[in-house]
Amino acid sequence: MLALVRQTTPILFDNAGASCIGSTCKEGSMSCKQVKEMKELSSRLNELVKKGINDEEIMQFVESI
């Protein structure tokens, strides 16, 4: 879903997702402790969207996670 909305309105949804993607983690003791990984996944997704990812490639990306 995130890939789809980033395709249609990338400026609005560029930092959408977990709170740690756009800033720091606000989950405190409930943190998943994967801030670096979340930011990397978000960056990879943004790169794919900029290249013009299609629905099949979105599914491949999701399945690879």
PDB file of N, CA and C in Angstrom:
ATOM      1  N   MET A   1       0.824  -1.189   0.000  1.00  0.00           N
ATOM      2  CA  MET A   1       0.000   0.000   0.000  1.00  0.00           C
ATOM      3  C   MET A   1       0.873   1.260   0.000  1.00  0.00           C
ATOM      4  N   LEU A   2       1.915   1.256   0.811  1.00  0.00           N
ATOM      5  CA  LEU A   2       2.789   2.428   0.897  1.00  0.00           C
ATOM      6  C   LEU A   2       3.433   2.726  -0.451  1.00  0.00           C
ATOM      7  N   ALA A   3       3.827   1.686  -1.166  1.00  0.00           N
ATOM      8  CA  ALA A   3       4.428   1.891  -2.491  1.00  0.00           C
ATOM      9  C   ALA A   3       3.418   2.520  -3.441  1.00  0.00           C
ATOM     10  N   LEU A   4       2.165   2.121  -3.347  1.00  0.00           N
ATOM     11  CA  LEU A   4       1.135   2.674  -4.222  1.00  0.00           C
ATOM     12  C   LEU A   4       0.905   4.158  -3.966  1.00  0.00           C
ATOM     13  N   VAL A   5       0.830   4.554  -2.703  1.00  0.00           N
ATOM     14  CA  VAL A   5       0.599   5.972  -2.426  1.00  0.00           C
ATOM     15  C   VAL A   5       1.843   6.805  -2.706  1.00  0.00           C
ATOM     16  N   ARG A   6       3.015   6.216  -2.553  1.00  0.00           N
ATOM     17  CA  ARG A   6       4.237   6.945  -2.895  1.00  0.00           C
ATOM     18  C   ARG A   6       4.330   7.165  -4.403  1.00  0.00           C
ATOM     19  N   GLN A   7       3.746   6.255  -5.179  1.00  0.00           N
ATOM     20  CA  GLN A   7       3.720   6.433  -6.629  1.00  0.00           C
ATOM     21  C   GLN A   7       2.841   7.616  -7.015  1.00  0.00           C
ATOM     22  N   THR A   8       1.685   7.715  -6.395  1.00  0.00           N
ATOM     23  CA  THR A   8       0.727   8.741  -6.789  1.00  0.00           C
ATOM     24  C   THR A   8       1.057  10.115  -6.228  1.00  0.00           C
ATOM     25  N   THR A   9       1.565  10.181  -5.002  1.00  0.00           N
ATOM     26  CA  THR A   9       1.872  11.453  -4.355  1.00  0.00           C
ATOM     27  C   THR A   9       3.167  11.322  -3.557  1.00  0.00           C
ATOM     28  N   PRO A  10       4.304  11.235  -4.237  1.00  0.00           N
ATOM     29  CA  PRO A  10       5.569  10.978  -3.536  1.00  0.00           C
ATOM     30  C   PRO A  10       5.965  12.061  -2.530  1.00  0.00           C
ATOM     31  N   ILE A  11       5.686  13.306  -2.826  1.00  0.00           N
ATOM     32  CA  ILE A  11       6.062  14.376  -1.894  1.00  0.00           C
ATOM     33  C   ILE A  11       5.318  14.232  -0.572  1.00  0.00           C
ATOM     34  N   LEU A  12       4.062  13.893  -0.652  1.00  0.00           N
ATOM     35  CA  LEU A  12       3.238  13.767   0.552  1.00  0.00           C
ATOM     36  C   LEU A  12       3.597  12.522   1.366  1.00  0.00           C
ATOM     37  N   PHE A  13       3.931  11.424   0.688  1.00  0.00           N
ATOM     38  CA  PHE A  13       4.131  10.155   1.380  1.00  0.00           C
ATOM     39  C   PHE A  13       5.587   9.701   1.459  1.00  0.00           C
ATOM     40  N   ASP A  14       6.536  10.569   1.117  1.00  0.00           N
ATOM     41  CA  ASP A  14       7.951  10.204   1.118  1.00  0.00           C
ATOM     42  C   ASP A  14       8.428   9.676   2.471  1.00  0.00           C
ATOM     43  N   ASN A  15       7.971  10.262   3.553  1.00  0.00           N
ATOM     44  CA  ASN A  15       8.378   9.824   4.893  1.00  0.00           C
ATOM     45  C   ASN A  15       7.272   9.105   5.639  1.00  0.00           C
ATOM     46  N   ALA A  16       6.265   8.635   4.910  1.00  0.00           N
ATOM     47  CA  ALA A  16       5.155   7.922   5.549  1.00  0.00           C
ATOM     48  C   ALA A  16       5.625   6.547   6.018  1.00  0.00           C
ATOM     49  N   GLY A  17       4.971   6.042   7.016  1.00  0.00           N
ATOM     50  CA  GLY A  17       5.312   4.723   7.557  1.00  0.00           C
ATOM     51  C   GLY A  17       5.627   4.848   9.032  1.00  0.00           C
ATOM     52  N   ALA A  18       6.550   4.047   9.483  1.00  0.00           N
ATOM     53  CA  ALA A  18       6.953   4.086  10.892  1.00  0.00           C
ATOM     54  C   ALA A  18       7.490   5.473  11.242  1.00  0.00           C
ATOM     55  N   SER A  19       7.250   5.910  12.467  1.00  0.00           N
ATOM     56  CA  SER A  19       7.661   7.267  12.870  1.00  0.00           C
ATOM     57  C   SER A  19       9.164   7.480  12.759  1.00  0.00           C
ATOM     58  N   CYS A  20       9.937   6.423  12.852  1.00  0.00           N
ATOM     59  CA  CYS A  20      11.388   6.562  12.798  1.00  0.00           C
ATOM     60  C   CYS A  20      11.897   6.872  11.388  1.00  0.00           C
ATOM     61  N   ILE A  21      11.080   6.688  10.378  1.00  0.00           N
ATOM     62  CA  ILE A  21      11.512   6.953   9.006  1.00  0.00           C
ATOM     63  C   ILE A  21      11.764   8.436   8.791  1.00  0.00           C
ATOM     64  N   GLY A  22      10.866   9.275   9.280  1.00  0.00           N
ATOM     65  CA  GLY A  22      10.999  10.715   9.081  1.00  0.00           C
ATOM     66  C   GLY A  22      11.772  11.430  10.161  1.00  0.00           C
ATOM     67  N   SER A  23      11.927  10.800  11.307  1.00  0.00           N
ATOM     68  CA  SER A  23      12.676  11.427  12.407  1.00  0.00           C
ATOM     69  C   SER A  23      13.247  10.331  13.301  1.00  0.00           C
ATOM     70  N   THR A  24      13.157  10.496  14.589  1.00  0.00           N
ATOM     71  CA  THR A  24      13.660   9.482  15.521  1.00  0.00           C
ATOM     72  C   THR A  24      12.516   8.623  16.031  1.00  0.00           C
ATOM     73  N   CYS A  25      12.838   7.466  16.538  1.00  0.00           N
ATOM     74  CA  CYS A  25      11.826   6.557  17.073  1.00  0.00           C
ATOM     75  C   CYS A  25      11.191   7.163  18.319  1.00  0.00           C
ATOM     76  N   LYS A  26       9.882   7.113  18.354  1.00  0.00           N
ATOM     77  CA  LYS A  26       9.134   7.655  19.490  1.00  0.00           C
ATOM     78  C   LYS A  26       8.466   6.550  20.314  1.00  0.00           C
ATOM     79  N   GLU A  27       8.849   5.311  20.062  1.00  0.00           N
ATOM     80  CA  GLU A  27       8.209   4.174  20.719  1.00  0.00           C
ATOM     81  C   GLU A  27       8.774   3.849  22.100  1.00  0.00           C
ATOM     82  N   GLY A  28       9.897   4.424  22.442  1.00  0.00           N
ATOM     83  CA  GLY A  28      10.487   4.182  23.762  1.00  0.00           C
ATOM     84  C   GLY A  28      10.812   2.721  23.993  1.00  0.00           C
ATOM     85  N   SER A  29      10.360   2.182  25.116  1.00  0.00           N
ATOM     86  CA  SER A  29      10.672   0.796  25.456  1.00  0.00           C
ATOM     87  C   SER A  29       9.987  -0.209  24.533  1.00  0.00           C
ATOM     88  N   MET A  30       9.002   0.226  23.758  1.00  0.00           N
ATOM     89  CA  MET A  30       8.295  -0.650  22.826  1.00  0.00           C
ATOM     90  C   MET A  30       8.931  -0.631  21.431  1.00  0.00           C
ATOM     91  N   SER A  31      10.068   0.020  21.298  1.00  0.00           N
ATOM     92  CA  SER A  31      10.749   0.139  20.006  1.00  0.00           C
ATOM     93  C   SER A  31      11.146  -1.224  19.458  1.00  0.00           C
ATOM     94  N   CYS A  32      11.109  -1.346  18.140  1.00  0.00           N
ATOM     95  CA  CYS A  32      11.559  -2.592  17.504  1.00  0.00           C
ATOM     96  C   CYS A  32      13.077  -2.631  17.394  1.00  0.00           C
ATOM     97  N   LYS A  33      13.721  -1.507  17.679  1.00  0.00           N
ATOM     98  CA  LYS A  33      15.186  -1.384  17.647  1.00  0.00           C
ATOM     99  C   LYS A  33      15.764  -1.608  16.240  1.00  0.00           C
ATOM    100  N   GLN A  34      14.960  -1.311  15.205  1.00  0.00           N
ATOM    101  CA  GLN A  34      15.399  -1.524  13.834  1.00  0.00           C
ATOM    102  C   GLN A  34      15.321  -0.234  13.021  1.00  0.00           C
ATOM    103  N   VAL A  35      15.679   0.877  13.621  1.00  0.00           N
ATOM    104  CA  VAL A  35      15.588   2.175  12.971  1.00  0.00           C
ATOM    105  C   VAL A  35      16.389   2.192  11.675  1.00  0.00           C
ATOM    106  N   LYS A  36      17.617   1.716  11.728  1.00  0.00           N
ATOM    107  CA  LYS A  36      18.477   1.721  10.537  1.00  0.00           C
ATOM    108  C   LYS A  36      17.846   0.898   9.418  1.00  0.00           C
ATOM    109  N   GLU A  37      17.349  -0.283   9.736  1.00  0.00           N
ATOM    110  CA  GLU A  37      16.743  -1.149   8.739  1.00  0.00           C
ATOM    111  C   GLU A  37      15.487  -0.520   8.144  1.00  0.00           C
ATOM    112  N   MET A  38      14.668   0.116   8.980  1.00  0.00           N
ATOM    113  CA  MET A  38      13.443   0.763   8.495  1.00  0.00           C
ATOM    114  C   MET A  38      13.767   1.900   7.532  1.00  0.00           C
ATOM    115  N   LYS A  39      14.768   2.686   7.870  1.00  0.00           N
ATOM    116  CA  LYS A  39      15.159   3.793   6.991  1.00  0.00           C
ATOM    117  C   LYS A  39      15.720   3.273   5.673  1.00  0.00           C
ATOM    118  N   GLU A  40      16.476   2.176   5.720  1.00  0.00           N
ATOM    119  CA  GLU A  40      17.024   1.578   4.499  1.00  0.00           C
ATOM    120  C   GLU A  40      15.906   1.049   3.607  1.00  0.00           C
ATOM    121  N   LEU A  41      14.922   0.368   4.200  1.00  0.00           N
ATOM    122  CA  LEU A  41      13.791  -0.134   3.422  1.00  0.00           C
ATOM    123  C   LEU A  41      13.024   1.014   2.772  1.00  0.00           C
ATOM    124  N   SER A  42      12.807   2.073   3.526  1.00  0.00           N
ATOM    125  CA  SER A  42      12.100   3.237   2.998  1.00  0.00           C
ATOM    126  C   SER A  42      12.872   3.866   1.844  1.00  0.00           C
ATOM    127  N   SER A  43      14.173   3.962   1.974  1.00  0.00           N
ATOM    128  CA  SER A  43      15.007   4.525   0.910  1.00  0.00           C
ATOM    129  C   SER A  43      14.966   3.653  -0.339  1.00  0.00           C
ATOM    130  N   ARG A  44      15.047   2.345  -0.149  1.00  0.00           N
ATOM    131  CA  ARG A  44      14.961   1.425  -1.289  1.00  0.00           C
ATOM    132  C   ARG A  44      13.632   1.563  -2.005  1.00  0.00           C
ATOM    133  N   LEU A  45      12.561   1.670  -1.228  1.00  0.00           N
ATOM    134  CA  LEU A  45      11.236   1.827  -1.813  1.00  0.00           C
ATOM    135  C   LEU A  45      11.138   3.141  -2.584  1.00  0.00           C
ATOM    136  N   ASN A  46      11.670   4.217  -2.014  1.00  0.00           N
ATOM    137  CA  ASN A  46      11.650   5.508  -2.699  1.00  0.00           C
ATOM    138  C   ASN A  46      12.407   5.442  -4.024  1.00  0.00           C
ATOM    139  N   GLU A  47      13.537   4.754  -4.035  1.00  0.00           N
ATOM    140  CA  GLU A  47      14.328   4.609  -5.267  1.00  0.00           C
ATOM    141  C   GLU A  47      13.530   3.856  -6.333  1.00  0.00           C
ATOM    142  N   LEU A  48      12.861   2.794  -5.925  1.00  0.00           N
ATOM    143  CA  LEU A  48      12.060   2.023  -6.873  1.00  0.00           C
ATOM    144  C   LEU A  48      10.904   2.844  -7.426  1.00  0.00           C
ATOM    145  N   VAL A  49      10.258   3.611  -6.565  1.00  0.00           N
ATOM    146  CA  VAL A  49       9.138   4.446  -6.996  1.00  0.00           C
ATOM    147  C   VAL A  49       9.620   5.495  -8.001  1.00  0.00           C
ATOM    148  N   LYS A  50      10.764   6.087  -7.732  1.00  0.00           N
ATOM    149  CA  LYS A  50      11.316   7.090  -8.654  1.00  0.00           C
ATOM    150  C   LYS A  50      11.643   6.497 -10.019  1.00  0.00           C
ATOM    151  N   LYS A  51      12.001   5.213 -10.050  1.00  0.00           N
ATOM    152  CA  LYS A  51      12.319   4.538 -11.313  1.00  0.00           C
ATOM    153  C   LYS A  51      11.056   4.130 -12.075  1.00  0.00           C
ATOM    154  N   GLY A  52       9.906   4.226 -11.424  1.00  0.00           N
ATOM    155  CA  GLY A  52       8.653   3.859 -12.081  1.00  0.00           C
ATOM    156  C   GLY A  52       8.263   2.408 -11.851  1.00  0.00           C
ATOM    157  N   ILE A  53       8.307   1.979 -10.620  1.00  0.00           N
ATOM    158  CA  ILE A  53       7.979   0.607 -10.237  1.00  0.00           C
ATOM    159  C   ILE A  53       6.541   0.257 -10.646  1.00  0.00           C
ATOM    160  N   ASN A  54       6.342  -0.983 -11.101  1.00  0.00           N
ATOM    161  CA  ASN A  54       4.984  -1.421 -11.435  1.00  0.00           C
ATOM    162  C   ASN A  54       4.463  -2.341 -10.326  1.00  0.00           C
ATOM    163  N   ASP A  55       3.208  -2.760 -10.448  1.00  0.00           N
ATOM    164  CA  ASP A  55       2.582  -3.557  -9.386  1.00  0.00           C
ATOM    165  C   ASP A  55       3.325  -4.870  -9.123  1.00  0.00           C
ATOM    166  N   GLU A  56       3.793  -5.520 -10.173  1.00  0.00           N
ATOM    167  CA  GLU A  56       4.516  -6.777 -10.001  1.00  0.00           C
ATOM    168  C   GLU A  56       5.817  -6.557  -9.230  1.00  0.00           C
ATOM    169  N   GLU A  57       6.521  -5.474  -9.541  1.00  0.00           N
ATOM    170  CA  GLU A  57       7.759  -5.156  -8.828  1.00  0.00           C
ATOM    171  C   GLU A  57       7.486  -4.783  -7.378  1.00  0.00           C
ATOM    172  N   ILE A  58       6.355  -4.144  -7.122  1.00  0.00           N
ATOM    173  CA  ILE A  58       5.966  -3.843  -5.735  1.00  0.00           C
ATOM    174  C   ILE A  58       5.813  -5.139  -4.960  1.00  0.00           C
ATOM    175  N   MET A  59       5.136  -6.119  -5.553  1.00  0.00           N
ATOM    176  CA  MET A  59       4.930  -7.405  -4.867  1.00  0.00           C
ATOM    177  C   MET A  59       6.260  -8.119  -4.645  1.00  0.00           C
ATOM    178  N   GLN A  60       7.173  -8.056  -5.591  1.00  0.00           N
ATOM    179  CA  GLN A  60       8.484  -8.666  -5.426  1.00  0.00           C
ATOM    180  C   GLN A  60       9.247  -8.007  -4.288  1.00  0.00           C
ATOM    181  N   PHE A  61       9.147  -6.680  -4.194  1.00  0.00           N
ATOM    182  CA  PHE A  61       9.807  -5.948  -3.113  1.00  0.00           C
ATOM    183  C   PHE A  61       9.243  -6.383  -1.765  1.00  0.00           C
ATOM    184  N   VAL A  62       7.929  -6.424  -1.663  1.00  0.00           N
ATOM    185  CA  VAL A  62       7.272  -6.806  -0.396  1.00  0.00           C
ATOM    186  C   VAL A  62       7.653  -8.233  -0.012  1.00  0.00           C
ATOM    187  N   GLU A  63       7.645  -9.137  -0.964  1.00  0.00           N
ATOM    188  CA  GLU A  63       7.983 -10.526  -0.674  1.00  0.00           C
ATOM    189  C   GLU A  63       9.439 -10.721  -0.295  1.00  0.00           C
ATOM    190  N   SER A  64      10.296  -9.789  -0.725  1.00  0.00           N
ATOM    191  CA  SER A  64      11.723  -9.921  -0.414  1.00  0.00           C
ATOM    192  C   SER A  64      12.076  -9.447   0.995  1.00  0.00           C
ATOM    193  N   ILE A  65      11.150  -8.801   1.643  1.00  0.00           N
ATOM    194  CA  ILE A  65      11.399  -8.260   2.978  1.00  0.00           C
ATOM    195  C   ILE A  65      11.320  -9.349   4.020  1.00  0.00           C
TER     196      ILE A  65
END
